Amino acid sequence: MSTKLSPQARRLRTIIVTIPIMAATSLVLYERLVLGKPRRTVDRSPEKEGVPMIPDDEGKFWSVPHIFSMG
């Protein structure tokens, strides 16, 4: 399919992929540690946006449409 990259091309590809990831991670850490911005969290409440949820025997919550599709 594709040809093998030279060592210099592999290094360049690694740099191109790594720099945006490092920049985004650094920005988030700077905002949290220096500016005091709170950590983002996910709402884990059983009912979210009006979708009815039903607990199973293990305590996990399932949406009503999911229960009916299990068949």
PDB file of N, CA and C in Angstrom:
ATOM      1  N   MET A   1       0.812  -1.199   0.000  1.00  0.00           N
ATOM      2  CA  MET A   1       0.000   0.000   0.000  1.00  0.00           C
ATOM      3  C   MET A   1       0.853   1.261   0.000  1.00  0.00           C
ATOM      4  N   SER A   2       1.504   1.502   1.115  1.00  0.00           N
ATOM      5  CA  SER A   2       2.310   2.712   1.190  1.00  0.00           C
ATOM      6  C   SER A   2       3.789   2.337   1.280  1.00  0.00           C
ATOM      7  N   THR A   3       4.616   3.262   0.880  1.00  0.00           N
ATOM      8  CA  THR A   3       6.051   3.027   0.943  1.00  0.00           C
ATOM      9  C   THR A   3       6.556   3.325   2.346  1.00  0.00           C
ATOM     10  N   LYS A   4       7.681   2.711   2.689  1.00  0.00           N
ATOM     11  CA  LYS A   4       8.260   2.967   4.003  1.00  0.00           C
ATOM     12  C   LYS A   4       8.832   4.376   4.043  1.00  0.00           C
ATOM     13  N   LEU A   5       8.625   5.022   5.193  1.00  0.00           N
ATOM     14  CA  LEU A   5       9.147   6.373   5.362  1.00  0.00           C
ATOM     15  C   LEU A   5      10.608   6.321   5.797  1.00  0.00           C
ATOM     16  N   SER A   6      11.330   7.323   5.380  1.00  0.00           N
ATOM     17  CA  SER A   6      12.715   7.431   5.819  1.00  0.00           C
ATOM     18  C   SER A   6      12.732   7.819   7.293  1.00  0.00           C
ATOM     19  N   PRO A   7      13.838   7.606   7.990  1.00  0.00           N
ATOM     20  CA  PRO A   7      13.904   7.985   9.404  1.00  0.00           C
ATOM     21  C   PRO A   7      13.598   9.469   9.638  1.00  0.00           C
ATOM     22  N   GLN A   8      14.042  10.320   8.736  1.00  0.00           N
ATOM     23  CA  GLN A   8      13.774  11.743   8.891  1.00  0.00           C
ATOM     24  C   GLN A   8      12.280  12.037   8.716  1.00  0.00           C
ATOM     25  N   ALA A   9      11.639  11.375   7.788  1.00  0.00           N
ATOM     26  CA  ALA A   9      10.198  11.569   7.577  1.00  0.00           C
ATOM     27  C   ALA A   9       9.405  11.045   8.773  1.00  0.00           C
ATOM     28  N   ARG A  10       9.851   9.929   9.367  1.00  0.00           N
ATOM     29  CA  ARG A  10       9.170   9.409  10.565  1.00  0.00           C
ATOM     30  C   ARG A  10       9.286  10.388  11.718  1.00  0.00           C
ATOM     31  N   ARG A  11      10.475  10.992  11.886  1.00  0.00           N
ATOM     32  CA  ARG A  11      10.656  11.994  12.936  1.00  0.00           C
ATOM     33  C   ARG A  11       9.734  13.181  12.713  1.00  0.00           C
ATOM     34  N   LEU A  12       9.643  13.638  11.481  1.00  0.00           N
ATOM     35  CA  LEU A  12       8.778  14.772  11.160  1.00  0.00           C
ATOM     36  C   LEU A  12       7.313  14.434  11.428  1.00  0.00           C
ATOM     37  N   ARG A  13       6.899  13.221  11.041  1.00  0.00           N
ATOM     38  CA  ARG A  13       5.522  12.794  11.298  1.00  0.00           C
ATOM     39  C   ARG A  13       5.243  12.772  12.804  1.00  0.00           C
ATOM     40  N   THR A  14       6.192  12.274  13.574  1.00  0.00           N
ATOM     41  CA  THR A  14       6.035  12.231  15.030  1.00  0.00           C
ATOM     42  C   THR A  14       5.896  13.632  15.599  1.00  0.00           C
ATOM     43  N   ILE A  15       6.693  14.556  15.115  1.00  0.00           N
ATOM     44  CA  ILE A  15       6.623  15.944  15.582  1.00  0.00           C
ATOM     45  C   ILE A  15       5.279  16.558  15.226  1.00  0.00           C
ATOM     46  N   ILE A  16       4.813  16.342  14.010  1.00  0.00           N
ATOM     47  CA  ILE A  16       3.545  16.922  13.562  1.00  0.00           C
ATOM     48  C   ILE A  16       2.377  16.393  14.390  1.00  0.00           C
ATOM     49  N   VAL A  17       2.430  15.134  14.776  1.00  0.00           N
ATOM     50  CA  VAL A  17       1.346  14.548  15.572  1.00  0.00           C
ATOM     51  C   VAL A  17       1.463  14.953  17.039  1.00  0.00           C
ATOM     52  N   THR A  18       2.667  15.021  17.568  1.00  0.00           N
ATOM     53  CA  THR A  18       2.871  15.231  19.002  1.00  0.00           C
ATOM     54  C   THR A  18       2.675  16.675  19.450  1.00  0.00           C
ATOM     55  N   ILE A  19       3.105  17.641  18.658  1.00  0.00           N
ATOM     56  CA  ILE A  19       3.045  19.040  19.093  1.00  0.00           C
ATOM     57  C   ILE A  19       1.616  19.509  19.414  1.00  0.00           C
ATOM     58  N   PRO A  20       0.608  19.246  18.584  1.00  0.00           N
ATOM     59  CA  PRO A  20      -0.740  19.690  18.968  1.00  0.00           C
ATOM     60  C   PRO A  20      -1.266  19.021  20.242  1.00  0.00           C
ATOM     61  N   ILE A  21      -0.929  17.747  20.437  1.00  0.00           N
ATOM     62  CA  ILE A  21      -1.358  17.058  21.662  1.00  0.00           C
ATOM     63  C   ILE A  21      -0.701  17.687  22.878  1.00  0.00           C
ATOM     64  N   MET A  22       0.595  17.956  22.792  1.00  0.00           N
ATOM     65  CA  MET A  22       1.299  18.592  23.911  1.00  0.00           C
ATOM     66  C   MET A  22       0.768  19.999  24.174  1.00  0.00           C
ATOM     67  N   ALA A  23       0.467  20.743  23.122  1.00  0.00           N
ATOM     68  CA  ALA A  23      -0.040  22.108  23.285  1.00  0.00           C
ATOM     69  C   ALA A  23      -1.401  22.107  23.975  1.00  0.00           C
ATOM     70  N   ALA A  24      -2.287  21.231  23.549  1.00  0.00           N
ATOM     71  CA  ALA A  24      -3.622  21.175  24.155  1.00  0.00           C
ATOM     72  C   ALA A  24      -3.543  20.742  25.610  1.00  0.00           C
ATOM     73  N   THR A  25      -2.711  19.743  25.897  1.00  0.00           N
ATOM     74  CA  THR A  25      -2.554  19.278  27.271  1.00  0.00           C
ATOM     75  C   THR A  25      -1.957  20.370  28.147  1.00  0.00           C
ATOM     76  N   SER A  26      -0.967  21.073  27.630  1.00  0.00           N
ATOM     77  CA  SER A  26      -0.342  22.154  28.399  1.00  0.00           C
ATOM     78  C   SER A  26      -1.326  23.273  28.683  1.00  0.00           C
ATOM     79  N   LEU A  27      -2.149  23.610  27.710  1.00  0.00           N
ATOM     80  CA  LEU A  27      -3.139  24.656  27.902  1.00  0.00           C
ATOM     81  C   LEU A  27      -4.136  24.283  28.997  1.00  0.00           C
ATOM     82  N   VAL A  28      -4.625  23.056  28.959  1.00  0.00           N
ATOM     83  CA  VAL A  28      -5.587  22.610  29.979  1.00  0.00           C
ATOM     84  C   VAL A  28      -4.940  22.609  31.358  1.00  0.00           C
ATOM     85  N   LEU A  29      -3.719  22.106  31.464  1.00  0.00           N
ATOM     86  CA  LEU A  29      -3.038  22.102  32.760  1.00  0.00           C
ATOM     87  C   LEU A  29      -2.764  23.515  33.257  1.00  0.00           C
ATOM     88  N   TYR A  30      -2.383  24.419  32.370  1.00  0.00           N
ATOM     89  CA  TYR A  30      -2.144  25.813  32.756  1.00  0.00           C
ATOM     90  C   TYR A  30      -3.428  26.436  33.300  1.00  0.00           C
ATOM     91  N   GLU A  31      -4.539  26.225  32.595  1.00  0.00           N
ATOM     92  CA  GLU A  31      -5.813  26.794  33.050  1.00  0.00           C
ATOM     93  C   GLU A  31      -6.204  26.244  34.416  1.00  0.00           C
ATOM     94  N   ARG A  32      -5.970  24.958  34.643  1.00  0.00           N
ATOM     95  CA  ARG A  32      -6.357  24.354  35.919  1.00  0.00           C
ATOM     96  C   ARG A  32      -5.423  24.738  37.056  1.00  0.00           C
ATOM     97  N   LEU A  33      -4.103  24.677  36.815  1.00  0.00           N
ATOM     98  CA  LEU A  33      -3.156  24.885  37.906  1.00  0.00           C
ATOM     99  C   LEU A  33      -2.866  26.355  38.182  1.00  0.00           C
ATOM    100  N   VAL A  34      -2.748  27.171  37.160  1.00  0.00           N
ATOM    101  CA  VAL A  34      -2.377  28.576  37.350  1.00  0.00           C
ATOM    102  C   VAL A  34      -3.612  29.460  37.493  1.00  0.00           C
ATOM    103  N   LEU A  35      -4.573  29.287  36.615  1.00  0.00           N
ATOM    104  CA  LEU A  35      -5.753  30.153  36.631  1.00  0.00           C
ATOM    105  C   LEU A  35      -6.848  29.671  37.583  1.00  0.00           C
ATOM    106  N   GLY A  36      -6.722  28.436  38.083  1.00  0.00           N
ATOM    107  CA  GLY A  36      -7.684  27.914  39.044  1.00  0.00           C
ATOM    108  C   GLY A  36      -9.003  27.481  38.437  1.00  0.00           C
ATOM    109  N   LYS A  37      -9.035  27.228  37.161  1.00  0.00           N
ATOM    110  CA  LYS A  37     -10.258  26.782  36.502  1.00  0.00           C
ATOM    111  C   LYS A  37     -10.609  25.374  36.999  1.00  0.00           C
ATOM    112  N   PRO A  38     -11.872  25.113  37.340  1.00  0.00           N
ATOM    113  CA  PRO A  38     -12.209  23.786  37.867  1.00  0.00           C
ATOM    114  C   PRO A  38     -12.128  22.711  36.788  1.00  0.00           C
ATOM    115  N   ARG A  39     -11.937  21.501  37.252  1.00  0.00           N
ATOM    116  CA  ARG A  39     -11.854  20.352  36.357  1.00  0.00           C
ATOM    117  C   ARG A  39     -13.208  20.069  35.738  1.00  0.00           C
ATOM    118  N   ARG A  40     -13.230  19.707  34.461  1.00  0.00           N
ATOM    119  CA  ARG A  40     -14.487  19.375  33.798  1.00  0.00           C
ATOM    120  C   ARG A  40     -14.976  18.026  34.304  1.00  0.00           C
ATOM    121  N   THR A  41     -16.260  17.926  34.561  1.00  0.00           N
ATOM    122  CA  THR A  41     -16.826  16.668  35.038  1.00  0.00           C
ATOM    123  C   THR A  41     -18.017  16.284  34.176  1.00  0.00           C
ATOM    124  N   VAL A  42     -18.381  15.024  34.256  1.00  0.00           N
ATOM    125  CA  VAL A  42     -19.530  14.502  33.531  1.00  0.00           C
ATOM    126  C   VAL A  42     -20.655  14.294  34.529  1.00  0.00           C
ATOM    127  N   ASP A  43     -21.852  14.765  34.176  1.00  0.00           N
ATOM    128  CA  ASP A  43     -23.002  14.565  35.044  1.00  0.00           C
ATOM    129  C   ASP A  43     -23.370  13.091  35.043  1.00  0.00           C
ATOM    130  N   ARG A  44     -23.307  12.449  36.190  1.00  0.00           N
ATOM    131  CA  ARG A  44     -23.575  11.021  36.283  1.00  0.00           C
ATOM    132  C   ARG A  44     -24.936  10.732  36.909  1.00  0.00           C
ATOM    133  N   SER A  45     -25.851  11.699  36.861  1.00  0.00           N
ATOM    134  CA  SER A  45     -27.173  11.455  37.428  1.00  0.00           C
ATOM    135  C   SER A  45     -27.916  10.443  36.566  1.00  0.00           C
ATOM    136  N   PRO A  46     -28.754   9.603  37.186  1.00  0.00           N
ATOM    137  CA  PRO A  46     -29.451   8.561  36.426  1.00  0.00           C
ATOM    138  C   PRO A  46     -30.361   9.114  35.334  1.00  0.00           C
ATOM    139  N   GLU A  47     -31.064  10.190  35.612  1.00  0.00           N
ATOM    140  CA  GLU A  47     -31.954  10.755  34.605  1.00  0.00           C
ATOM    141  C   GLU A  47     -31.312  12.022  34.057  1.00  0.00           C
ATOM    142  N   LYS A  48     -31.082  12.029  32.763  1.00  0.00           N
ATOM    143  CA  LYS A  48     -30.430  13.159  32.130  1.00  0.00           C
ATOM    144  C   LYS A  48     -31.277  13.583  30.947  1.00  0.00           C
ATOM    145  N   GLU A  49     -31.619  14.834  30.914  1.00  0.00           N
ATOM    146  CA  GLU A  49     -32.382  15.421  29.828  1.00  0.00           C
ATOM    147  C   GLU A  49     -33.720  14.723  29.617  1.00  0.00           C
ATOM    148  N   GLY A  50     -34.355  14.269  30.684  1.00  0.00           N
ATOM    149  CA  GLY A  50     -35.702  13.725  30.597  1.00  0.00           C
ATOM    150  C   GLY A  50     -35.803  12.313  30.061  1.00  0.00           C
ATOM    151  N   VAL A  51     -34.683  11.614  29.885  1.00  0.00           N
ATOM    152  CA  VAL A  51     -34.736  10.231  29.416  1.00  0.00           C
ATOM    153  C   VAL A  51     -34.931   9.340  30.631  1.00  0.00           C
ATOM    154  N   PRO A  52     -36.043   8.592  30.699  1.00  0.00           N
ATOM    155  CA  PRO A  52     -36.270   7.738  31.870  1.00  0.00           C
ATOM    156  C   PRO A  52     -35.238   6.620  31.944  1.00  0.00           C
ATOM    157  N   MET A  53     -34.744   6.374  33.137  1.00  0.00           N
ATOM    158  CA  MET A  53     -33.724   5.350  33.346  1.00  0.00           C
ATOM    159  C   MET A  53     -34.265   4.317  34.327  1.00  0.00           C
ATOM    160  N   ILE A  54     -33.894   3.041  34.119  1.00  0.00           N
ATOM    161  CA  ILE A  54     -34.349   1.951  34.969  1.00  0.00           C
ATOM    162  C   ILE A  54     -33.116   1.220  35.493  1.00  0.00           C
ATOM    163  N   PRO A  55     -33.015   1.024  36.828  1.00  0.00           N
ATOM    164  CA  PRO A  55     -31.855   0.293  37.353  1.00  0.00           C
ATOM    165  C   PRO A  55     -32.017  -1.208  37.130  1.00  0.00           C
ATOM    166  N   ASP A  56     -30.899  -1.905  36.881  1.00  0.00           N
ATOM    167  CA  ASP A  56     -30.953  -3.355  36.771  1.00  0.00           C
ATOM    168  C   ASP A  56     -30.536  -3.966  38.106  1.00  0.00           C
ATOM    169  N   ASP A  57     -30.346  -5.280  38.133  1.00  0.00           N
ATOM    170  CA  ASP A  57     -30.014  -5.967  39.381  1.00  0.00           C
ATOM    171  C   ASP A  57     -28.650  -5.577  39.932  1.00  0.00           C
ATOM    172  N   GLU A  58     -27.740  -5.139  39.068  1.00  0.00           N
ATOM    173  CA  GLU A  58     -26.390  -4.785  39.498  1.00  0.00           C
ATOM    174  C   GLU A  58     -26.268  -3.313  39.874  1.00  0.00           C
ATOM    175  N   GLY A  59     -27.341  -2.543  39.769  1.00  0.00           N
ATOM    176  CA  GLY A  59     -27.301  -1.133  40.098  1.00  0.00           C
ATOM    177  C   GLY A  59     -26.949  -0.234  38.945  1.00  0.00           C
ATOM    178  N   LYS A  60     -26.757  -0.803  37.742  1.00  0.00           N
ATOM    179  CA  LYS A  60     -26.496   0.015  36.569  1.00  0.00           C
ATOM    180  C   LYS A  60     -27.816   0.554  36.052  1.00  0.00           C
ATOM    181  N   PHE A  61     -27.768   1.747  35.478  1.00  0.00           N
ATOM    182  CA  PHE A  61     -28.971   2.352  34.950  1.00  0.00           C
ATOM    183  C   PHE A  61     -29.004   2.208  33.437  1.00  0.00           C
ATOM    184  N   TRP A  62     -30.168   1.875  32.885  1.00  0.00           N
ATOM    185  CA  TRP A  62     -30.363   1.720  31.457  1.00  0.00           C
ATOM    186  C   TRP A  62     -31.518   2.611  31.028  1.00  0.00           C
ATOM    187  N   SER A  63     -31.400   3.172  29.838  1.00  0.00           N
ATOM    188  CA  SER A  63     -32.505   3.970  29.320  1.00  0.00           C
ATOM    189  C   SER A  63     -33.624   3.027  28.888  1.00  0.00           C
ATOM    190  N   VAL A  64     -34.849   3.503  28.937  1.00  0.00           N
ATOM    191  CA  VAL A  64     -35.999   2.678  28.589  1.00  0.00           C
ATOM    192  C   VAL A  64     -35.899   2.154  27.150  1.00  0.00           C
ATOM    193  N   PRO A  65     -35.513   2.980  26.141  1.00  0.00           N
ATOM    194  CA  PRO A  65     -35.391   2.411  24.794  1.00  0.00           C
ATOM    195  C   PRO A  65     -34.350   1.294  24.709  1.00  0.00           C
ATOM    196  N   HIS A  66     -33.281   1.365  25.504  1.00  0.00           N
ATOM    197  CA  HIS A  66     -32.250   0.329  25.500  1.00  0.00           C
ATOM    198  C   HIS A  66     -32.834  -0.990  26.030  1.00  0.00           C
ATOM    199  N   ILE A  67     -33.655  -0.917  27.065  1.00  0.00           N
ATOM    200  CA  ILE A  67     -34.252  -2.120  27.655  1.00  0.00           C
ATOM    201  C   ILE A  67     -35.111  -2.831  26.617  1.00  0.00           C
ATOM    202  N   PHE A  68     -35.895  -2.076  25.858  1.00  0.00           N
ATOM    203  CA  PHE A  68     -36.797  -2.688  24.887  1.00  0.00           C
ATOM    204  C   PHE A  68     -36.024  -3.254  23.694  1.00  0.00           C
ATOM    205  N   SER A  69     -34.841  -2.730  23.400  1.00  0.00           N
ATOM    206  CA  SER A  69     -34.083  -3.228  22.251  1.00  0.00           C
ATOM    207  C   SER A  69     -33.277  -4.470  22.609  1.00  0.00           C
ATOM    208  N   MET A  70     -33.163  -4.815  23.892  1.00  0.00           N
ATOM    209  CA  MET A  70     -32.389  -5.980  24.303  1.00  0.00           C
ATOM    210  C   MET A  70     -33.085  -7.279  23.917  1.00  0.00           C
ATOM    211  N   GLY A  71     -34.389  -7.206  23.718  1.00  0.00           N
ATOM    212  CA  GLY A  71     -35.171  -8.218  23.173  1.00  0.00           C
ATOM    213  C   GLY A  71     -35.376  -9.515  23.682  1.00  0.00           C
TER     214      GLY A  71
END
